[in-house]
N, C-alpha and C. Protein backbone atom coordinates (compact mmCIF):
# COMPACT_ATOMS: atom_id res chain seq x y z
N UNK A 1 -1.75 130.65 49.81
CA UNK A 1 -0.61 130.62 48.93
C UNK A 1 0.14 131.93 49.07
N UNK A 2 1.47 131.83 49.06
CA UNK A 2 2.29 133.03 49.23
C UNK A 2 2.15 133.94 48.03
N UNK A 3 2.04 135.21 48.31
CA UNK A 3 1.90 136.19 47.24
C UNK A 3 3.29 136.56 46.73
N UNK A 4 3.45 136.60 45.43
CA UNK A 4 4.71 136.99 44.82
C UNK A 4 4.86 138.50 44.94
N UNK A 5 5.93 138.92 45.58
CA UNK A 5 6.19 140.34 45.70
C UNK A 5 6.97 140.80 44.48
N UNK A 6 6.46 141.81 43.83
CA UNK A 6 7.11 142.36 42.65
C UNK A 6 7.35 143.83 42.92
N UNK A 7 8.60 144.24 42.72
CA UNK A 7 8.95 145.64 42.93
C UNK A 7 8.21 146.51 41.92
N UNK A 8 7.91 147.75 42.30
CA UNK A 8 7.29 148.64 41.32
C UNK A 8 8.23 148.82 40.14
N UNK A 9 7.65 149.00 38.98
CA UNK A 9 8.46 149.14 37.77
C UNK A 9 9.13 150.51 37.78
N UNK A 10 10.44 150.48 37.64
CA UNK A 10 11.22 151.71 37.56
C UNK A 10 11.27 152.12 36.10
N UNK A 11 10.52 153.15 35.74
CA UNK A 11 10.42 153.55 34.34
C UNK A 11 11.77 153.99 33.77
N UNK A 12 12.63 154.55 34.61
CA UNK A 12 13.95 154.94 34.13
C UNK A 12 14.75 153.70 33.74
N UNK A 13 14.70 152.66 34.56
CA UNK A 13 15.41 151.43 34.22
C UNK A 13 14.76 150.73 33.04
N UNK A 14 13.46 150.75 32.98
CA UNK A 14 12.77 150.13 31.86
C UNK A 14 13.14 150.83 30.56
N UNK A 15 13.45 152.11 30.65
CA UNK A 15 13.88 152.88 29.49
C UNK A 15 15.17 152.33 28.89
N UNK A 16 15.92 151.55 29.66
CA UNK A 16 17.14 150.95 29.12
C UNK A 16 16.85 149.96 28.01
N UNK A 17 15.59 149.53 27.91
CA UNK A 17 15.20 148.63 26.83
C UNK A 17 14.86 149.39 25.56
N UNK A 18 14.74 150.69 25.66
CA UNK A 18 14.35 151.49 24.50
C UNK A 18 15.57 151.88 23.68
N UNK A 19 15.32 152.08 22.42
CA UNK A 19 16.37 152.52 21.51
C UNK A 19 16.32 154.03 21.37
N UNK A 20 17.45 154.66 21.10
CA UNK A 20 17.42 156.11 20.86
C UNK A 20 16.50 156.42 19.67
N UNK A 21 15.74 157.48 19.80
CA UNK A 21 14.77 157.82 18.75
C UNK A 21 15.43 158.29 17.46
N UNK A 22 16.69 158.69 17.53
CA UNK A 22 17.36 159.21 16.34
C UNK A 22 18.09 158.13 15.52
N UNK A 23 17.90 156.85 15.88
CA UNK A 23 18.52 155.79 15.09
C UNK A 23 17.85 155.69 13.73
N UNK A 24 18.63 155.42 12.70
CA UNK A 24 18.02 155.19 11.38
C UNK A 24 17.11 153.96 11.42
N UNK A 25 16.24 153.83 10.44
CA UNK A 25 15.33 152.68 10.38
C UNK A 25 16.09 151.38 10.16
N UNK A 26 17.20 151.41 9.48
CA UNK A 26 18.01 150.23 9.18
C UNK A 26 19.46 150.52 9.51
N UNK A 27 20.13 149.53 10.10
CA UNK A 27 21.54 149.68 10.43
C UNK A 27 22.33 148.50 9.89
N UNK A 28 23.56 148.77 9.52
CA UNK A 28 24.47 147.71 9.13
C UNK A 28 24.91 146.98 10.40
N UNK A 29 25.62 145.89 10.24
CA UNK A 29 26.07 145.15 11.42
C UNK A 29 27.05 145.99 12.24
N UNK A 30 27.88 146.78 11.59
CA UNK A 30 28.82 147.64 12.32
C UNK A 30 28.06 148.70 13.11
N UNK A 31 27.04 149.28 12.50
CA UNK A 31 26.24 150.29 13.19
C UNK A 31 25.43 149.67 14.33
N UNK A 32 24.91 148.46 14.09
CA UNK A 32 24.15 147.77 15.14
C UNK A 32 25.07 147.42 16.31
N UNK A 33 26.29 147.01 16.00
CA UNK A 33 27.26 146.70 17.06
C UNK A 33 27.54 147.95 17.89
N UNK A 34 27.75 149.06 17.22
CA UNK A 34 28.01 150.30 17.93
C UNK A 34 26.81 150.73 18.78
N UNK A 35 25.61 150.60 18.22
CA UNK A 35 24.40 151.02 18.93
C UNK A 35 24.11 150.16 20.14
N UNK A 36 24.46 148.88 20.09
CA UNK A 36 24.13 147.96 21.18
C UNK A 36 25.29 147.71 22.14
N UNK A 37 26.50 148.07 21.72
CA UNK A 37 27.67 147.81 22.55
C UNK A 37 28.16 146.38 22.45
N UNK A 38 27.63 145.63 21.50
CA UNK A 38 28.07 144.25 21.28
C UNK A 38 29.03 144.22 20.10
N UNK A 39 29.71 143.11 19.96
CA UNK A 39 30.58 142.94 18.80
C UNK A 39 29.77 142.39 17.64
N UNK A 40 30.29 142.58 16.44
CA UNK A 40 29.65 142.00 15.26
C UNK A 40 29.61 140.48 15.39
N UNK A 41 30.65 139.92 15.99
CA UNK A 41 30.69 138.47 16.20
C UNK A 41 29.52 138.01 17.06
N UNK A 42 29.25 138.73 18.14
CA UNK A 42 28.13 138.38 19.03
C UNK A 42 26.80 138.52 18.30
N UNK A 43 26.66 139.57 17.51
CA UNK A 43 25.43 139.76 16.75
C UNK A 43 25.20 138.62 15.77
N UNK A 44 26.26 138.21 15.07
CA UNK A 44 26.13 137.08 14.15
C UNK A 44 25.80 135.80 14.91
N UNK A 45 26.40 135.61 16.08
CA UNK A 45 26.12 134.44 16.91
C UNK A 45 24.65 134.42 17.34
N UNK A 46 24.14 135.54 17.82
CA UNK A 46 22.73 135.61 18.23
C UNK A 46 21.81 135.26 17.06
N UNK A 47 22.19 135.71 15.86
CA UNK A 47 21.39 135.38 14.68
C UNK A 47 21.49 133.88 14.38
N UNK A 48 22.70 133.35 14.41
CA UNK A 48 22.92 131.94 14.07
C UNK A 48 22.15 131.00 14.99
N UNK A 49 22.06 131.33 16.28
CA UNK A 49 21.36 130.45 17.22
C UNK A 49 19.87 130.77 17.34
N UNK A 50 19.40 131.74 16.57
CA UNK A 50 17.97 132.01 16.50
C UNK A 50 17.41 132.98 17.53
N UNK A 51 18.28 133.72 18.21
CA UNK A 51 17.76 134.69 19.18
C UNK A 51 17.23 135.95 18.51
N UNK A 52 17.67 136.20 17.29
CA UNK A 52 17.24 137.38 16.56
C UNK A 52 17.20 137.04 15.07
N UNK A 53 16.21 137.60 14.39
CA UNK A 53 16.13 137.47 12.94
C UNK A 53 16.56 138.78 12.31
N UNK A 54 17.40 138.68 11.30
CA UNK A 54 17.93 139.88 10.66
C UNK A 54 17.69 139.79 9.16
N UNK A 55 17.13 140.86 8.62
CA UNK A 55 16.91 140.93 7.17
C UNK A 55 18.24 141.17 6.47
N UNK A 56 18.21 141.00 5.18
CA UNK A 56 19.37 141.29 4.33
C UNK A 56 18.98 142.39 3.35
N UNK A 57 19.95 143.25 3.03
CA UNK A 57 19.67 144.29 2.04
C UNK A 57 19.86 143.71 0.64
N UNK A 58 19.71 144.55 -0.37
CA UNK A 58 19.78 144.09 -1.76
C UNK A 58 21.16 143.52 -2.12
N UNK A 59 22.18 143.87 -1.36
CA UNK A 59 23.53 143.34 -1.59
C UNK A 59 23.81 142.09 -0.76
N UNK A 60 22.85 141.69 0.07
CA UNK A 60 23.03 140.51 0.90
C UNK A 60 23.62 140.78 2.27
N UNK A 61 23.85 142.05 2.59
CA UNK A 61 24.40 142.39 3.90
C UNK A 61 23.29 142.44 4.95
N UNK A 62 23.65 142.15 6.18
CA UNK A 62 22.68 142.21 7.28
C UNK A 62 22.15 143.64 7.41
N UNK A 63 20.85 143.72 7.68
CA UNK A 63 20.20 145.02 7.83
C UNK A 63 19.30 144.93 9.06
N UNK A 64 19.72 145.57 10.13
CA UNK A 64 19.03 145.49 11.42
C UNK A 64 17.95 146.56 11.50
N UNK A 65 16.70 146.13 11.67
CA UNK A 65 15.61 147.08 11.88
C UNK A 65 15.40 147.27 13.38
N UNK A 66 14.47 148.15 13.73
CA UNK A 66 14.25 148.47 15.15
C UNK A 66 13.78 147.24 15.94
N UNK A 67 12.99 146.39 15.31
CA UNK A 67 12.53 145.18 16.00
C UNK A 67 13.72 144.30 16.37
N UNK A 68 14.63 144.08 15.43
CA UNK A 68 15.81 143.26 15.70
C UNK A 68 16.66 143.89 16.79
N UNK A 69 16.84 145.21 16.74
CA UNK A 69 17.66 145.89 17.75
C UNK A 69 17.01 145.82 19.13
N UNK A 70 15.70 145.97 19.18
CA UNK A 70 15.00 145.88 20.46
C UNK A 70 15.16 144.48 21.04
N UNK A 71 15.06 143.47 20.19
CA UNK A 71 15.25 142.09 20.64
C UNK A 71 16.67 141.90 21.17
N UNK A 72 17.66 142.47 20.49
CA UNK A 72 19.06 142.35 20.91
C UNK A 72 19.26 143.00 22.27
N UNK A 73 18.68 144.17 22.47
CA UNK A 73 18.81 144.86 23.76
C UNK A 73 18.17 144.02 24.86
N UNK A 74 17.01 143.44 24.59
CA UNK A 74 16.33 142.58 25.56
C UNK A 74 17.20 141.38 25.91
N UNK A 75 17.73 140.72 24.91
CA UNK A 75 18.60 139.56 25.13
C UNK A 75 19.83 139.98 25.93
N UNK A 76 20.39 141.13 25.60
CA UNK A 76 21.58 141.62 26.31
C UNK A 76 21.30 141.84 27.79
N UNK A 77 20.13 142.38 28.11
CA UNK A 77 19.77 142.60 29.52
C UNK A 77 19.60 141.27 30.25
N UNK A 78 18.99 140.29 29.59
CA UNK A 78 18.85 138.98 30.22
C UNK A 78 20.21 138.32 30.42
N UNK A 79 21.09 138.45 29.43
CA UNK A 79 22.44 137.88 29.57
C UNK A 79 23.20 138.56 30.69
N UNK A 80 23.02 139.87 30.82
CA UNK A 80 23.70 140.61 31.90
C UNK A 80 23.27 140.11 33.27
N UNK A 81 22.08 139.54 33.35
CA UNK A 81 21.60 139.00 34.62
C UNK A 81 21.88 137.50 34.72
N UNK A 82 22.75 137.02 33.83
CA UNK A 82 23.20 135.62 33.82
C UNK A 82 22.13 134.61 33.46
N UNK A 83 21.10 135.03 32.75
CA UNK A 83 20.15 134.04 32.25
C UNK A 83 20.87 133.24 31.16
N UNK A 84 20.83 131.92 31.24
CA UNK A 84 21.51 131.11 30.22
C UNK A 84 20.90 131.33 28.83
N UNK A 85 21.74 131.24 27.83
CA UNK A 85 21.29 131.45 26.45
C UNK A 85 20.19 130.45 26.09
N UNK A 86 20.30 129.21 26.56
CA UNK A 86 19.26 128.21 26.27
C UNK A 86 17.91 128.66 26.83
N UNK A 87 17.92 129.23 28.03
CA UNK A 87 16.67 129.70 28.64
C UNK A 87 16.10 130.89 27.87
N UNK A 88 16.98 131.77 27.42
CA UNK A 88 16.53 132.91 26.62
C UNK A 88 15.92 132.41 25.32
N UNK A 89 16.59 131.46 24.69
CA UNK A 89 16.07 130.89 23.45
C UNK A 89 14.71 130.25 23.64
N UNK A 90 14.56 129.51 24.74
CA UNK A 90 13.27 128.88 25.03
C UNK A 90 12.19 129.94 25.24
N UNK A 91 12.52 130.97 26.02
CA UNK A 91 11.57 132.05 26.27
C UNK A 91 11.15 132.70 24.94
N UNK A 92 12.12 133.01 24.08
CA UNK A 92 11.81 133.67 22.81
C UNK A 92 11.02 132.75 21.88
N UNK A 93 11.28 131.45 21.95
CA UNK A 93 10.46 130.50 21.18
C UNK A 93 9.01 130.57 21.64
N UNK A 94 8.81 130.67 22.95
CA UNK A 94 7.46 130.78 23.48
C UNK A 94 6.79 132.07 23.02
N UNK A 95 7.56 133.16 23.00
CA UNK A 95 7.02 134.44 22.52
C UNK A 95 6.54 134.28 21.08
N UNK A 96 7.35 133.62 20.26
CA UNK A 96 6.98 133.42 18.86
C UNK A 96 5.74 132.54 18.71
N UNK A 97 5.50 131.64 19.67
CA UNK A 97 4.33 130.77 19.60
C UNK A 97 3.03 131.51 19.88
N UNK A 98 3.13 132.66 20.54
CA UNK A 98 1.95 133.48 20.72
C UNK A 98 1.36 133.50 22.12
N UNK A 99 0.16 134.07 22.22
CA UNK A 99 -0.47 134.36 23.51
C UNK A 99 -0.70 133.16 24.43
N UNK A 100 -0.89 131.99 23.92
CA UNK A 100 -1.18 130.85 24.79
C UNK A 100 -0.02 130.42 25.67
N UNK A 101 1.14 131.02 25.46
CA UNK A 101 2.33 130.62 26.22
C UNK A 101 2.66 131.54 27.39
N UNK A 102 1.80 132.51 27.66
CA UNK A 102 2.09 133.46 28.74
C UNK A 102 2.34 132.81 30.10
N UNK A 103 1.55 131.79 30.50
CA UNK A 103 1.82 131.19 31.80
C UNK A 103 3.24 130.60 31.91
N UNK A 104 3.70 129.97 30.85
CA UNK A 104 5.05 129.41 30.89
C UNK A 104 6.11 130.52 30.86
N UNK A 105 5.85 131.57 30.09
CA UNK A 105 6.79 132.71 30.07
C UNK A 105 6.86 133.37 31.44
N UNK A 106 5.70 133.51 32.08
CA UNK A 106 5.66 134.09 33.42
C UNK A 106 6.48 133.24 34.38
N UNK A 107 6.33 131.93 34.32
CA UNK A 107 7.07 131.03 35.20
C UNK A 107 8.58 131.17 34.98
N UNK A 108 8.97 131.29 33.73
CA UNK A 108 10.40 131.47 33.43
C UNK A 108 10.92 132.75 34.06
N UNK A 109 10.17 133.84 33.88
CA UNK A 109 10.62 135.13 34.42
C UNK A 109 10.59 135.13 35.95
N UNK A 110 9.60 134.48 36.56
CA UNK A 110 9.55 134.41 38.02
C UNK A 110 10.75 133.63 38.57
N UNK A 111 11.08 132.53 37.93
CA UNK A 111 12.23 131.74 38.37
C UNK A 111 13.52 132.54 38.19
N UNK A 112 13.62 133.25 37.09
CA UNK A 112 14.83 134.05 36.86
C UNK A 112 14.91 135.20 37.86
N UNK A 113 13.79 135.79 38.17
CA UNK A 113 13.77 136.87 39.17
C UNK A 113 14.26 136.36 40.51
N UNK A 114 13.83 135.16 40.91
CA UNK A 114 14.28 134.57 42.18
C UNK A 114 15.79 134.36 42.15
N UNK A 115 16.31 133.94 41.02
CA UNK A 115 17.76 133.76 40.89
C UNK A 115 18.49 135.09 41.03
N UNK A 116 17.96 136.12 40.40
CA UNK A 116 18.57 137.45 40.50
C UNK A 116 18.55 137.93 41.95
N UNK A 117 17.44 137.74 42.64
CA UNK A 117 17.35 138.18 44.03
C UNK A 117 18.37 137.46 44.91
N UNK A 118 18.58 136.16 44.67
CA UNK A 118 19.61 135.42 45.43
C UNK A 118 20.99 136.00 45.14
N UNK A 119 21.25 136.29 43.87
CA UNK A 119 22.54 136.87 43.50
C UNK A 119 22.73 138.24 44.15
N UNK A 120 21.68 139.05 44.15
CA UNK A 120 21.77 140.36 44.79
C UNK A 120 22.08 140.23 46.27
N UNK A 121 21.44 139.29 46.93
CA UNK A 121 21.71 139.05 48.35
C UNK A 121 23.17 138.66 48.56
N UNK A 122 23.65 137.75 47.73
CA UNK A 122 25.05 137.32 47.83
C UNK A 122 26.00 138.48 47.58
N UNK A 123 25.70 139.30 46.59
CA UNK A 123 26.54 140.46 46.30
C UNK A 123 26.49 141.49 47.42
N UNK A 124 25.31 141.68 48.04
CA UNK A 124 25.21 142.62 49.16
C UNK A 124 26.04 142.13 50.34
N UNK A 125 26.04 140.82 50.57
CA UNK A 125 26.87 140.25 51.64
C UNK A 125 28.35 140.45 51.33
N UNK A 126 28.73 140.22 50.10
CA UNK A 126 30.13 140.41 49.70
C UNK A 126 30.53 141.88 49.82
N UNK A 127 29.63 142.78 49.47
CA UNK A 127 29.90 144.21 49.61
C UNK A 127 30.08 144.59 51.08
N UNK A 128 29.25 144.04 51.95
CA UNK A 128 29.37 144.34 53.38
C UNK A 128 30.73 143.89 53.92
N UNK A 129 31.18 142.73 53.53
CA UNK A 129 32.49 142.24 53.98
C UNK A 129 33.60 143.13 53.43
N UNK A 130 33.48 143.50 52.16
CA UNK A 130 34.48 144.37 51.54
C UNK A 130 34.52 145.73 52.23
N UNK A 131 33.35 146.31 52.50
CA UNK A 131 33.29 147.60 53.20
C UNK A 131 33.90 147.49 54.60
N UNK A 132 33.63 146.39 55.28
CA UNK A 132 34.20 146.17 56.61
C UNK A 132 35.71 146.16 56.54
N UNK A 133 36.26 145.45 55.57
CA UNK A 133 37.71 145.37 55.46
C UNK A 133 38.31 146.72 55.07
N UNK A 134 37.65 147.46 54.19
CA UNK A 134 38.14 148.79 53.84
C UNK A 134 38.17 149.67 55.08
N UNK A 135 37.11 149.61 55.88
CA UNK A 135 37.08 150.40 57.11
C UNK A 135 38.19 149.96 58.05
N UNK A 136 38.47 148.66 58.11
CA UNK A 136 39.52 148.16 58.99
C UNK A 136 40.89 148.67 58.58
N UNK A 137 41.11 148.87 57.29
CA UNK A 137 42.40 149.35 56.80
C UNK A 137 42.52 150.87 56.88
N UNK A 138 41.45 151.54 57.21
CA UNK A 138 41.47 152.99 57.33
C UNK A 138 41.89 153.33 58.76
N UNK A 139 43.02 154.02 58.91
CA UNK A 139 43.59 154.26 60.25
C UNK A 139 42.60 154.92 61.23
N UNK A 140 41.82 155.84 60.77
CA UNK A 140 40.93 156.57 61.69
C UNK A 140 39.71 155.73 62.12
N UNK A 141 39.55 154.55 61.58
CA UNK A 141 38.38 153.74 61.94
C UNK A 141 38.50 153.16 63.35
N UNK A 142 39.73 152.95 63.80
CA UNK A 142 39.90 152.36 65.12
C UNK A 142 39.70 150.85 65.14
N UNK A 143 39.42 150.26 64.02
CA UNK A 143 39.22 148.81 63.94
C UNK A 143 40.55 148.14 63.67
N UNK A 144 40.67 146.91 64.14
CA UNK A 144 41.87 146.15 63.85
C UNK A 144 41.62 145.23 62.67
N UNK A 145 42.69 144.84 62.02
CA UNK A 145 42.59 143.95 60.88
C UNK A 145 42.31 142.56 61.35
């Protein structure tokens, strides 16, 4: 059976999932939006579709704790890699179900990784063509258009 090749974990990149240590324990929706780079609308949408659970303060306003913010950052990274929201929701449902779902979660992440690798290959090919054309337009390159 073919062995799955997994790149070594880049701790600097993995740090992108971490929150700044100086964040308050609780944030309003405006503060959470600023901290995550998302809009309040997106945060409310993520809550409405069940990607994140958010507590309410004594006045009924959303109050984002570190767990909610960490979940939002995780979801944001998956969305940035074009994982569909339905797939993210399914994955998070499995997380909530507990330890017995690890094999299915692994399969989801392996399939998504393969998709990302295909996209990277396509983007590298597009970059090569773009670089070639830039070089062609540079007079000192000696290449013709």
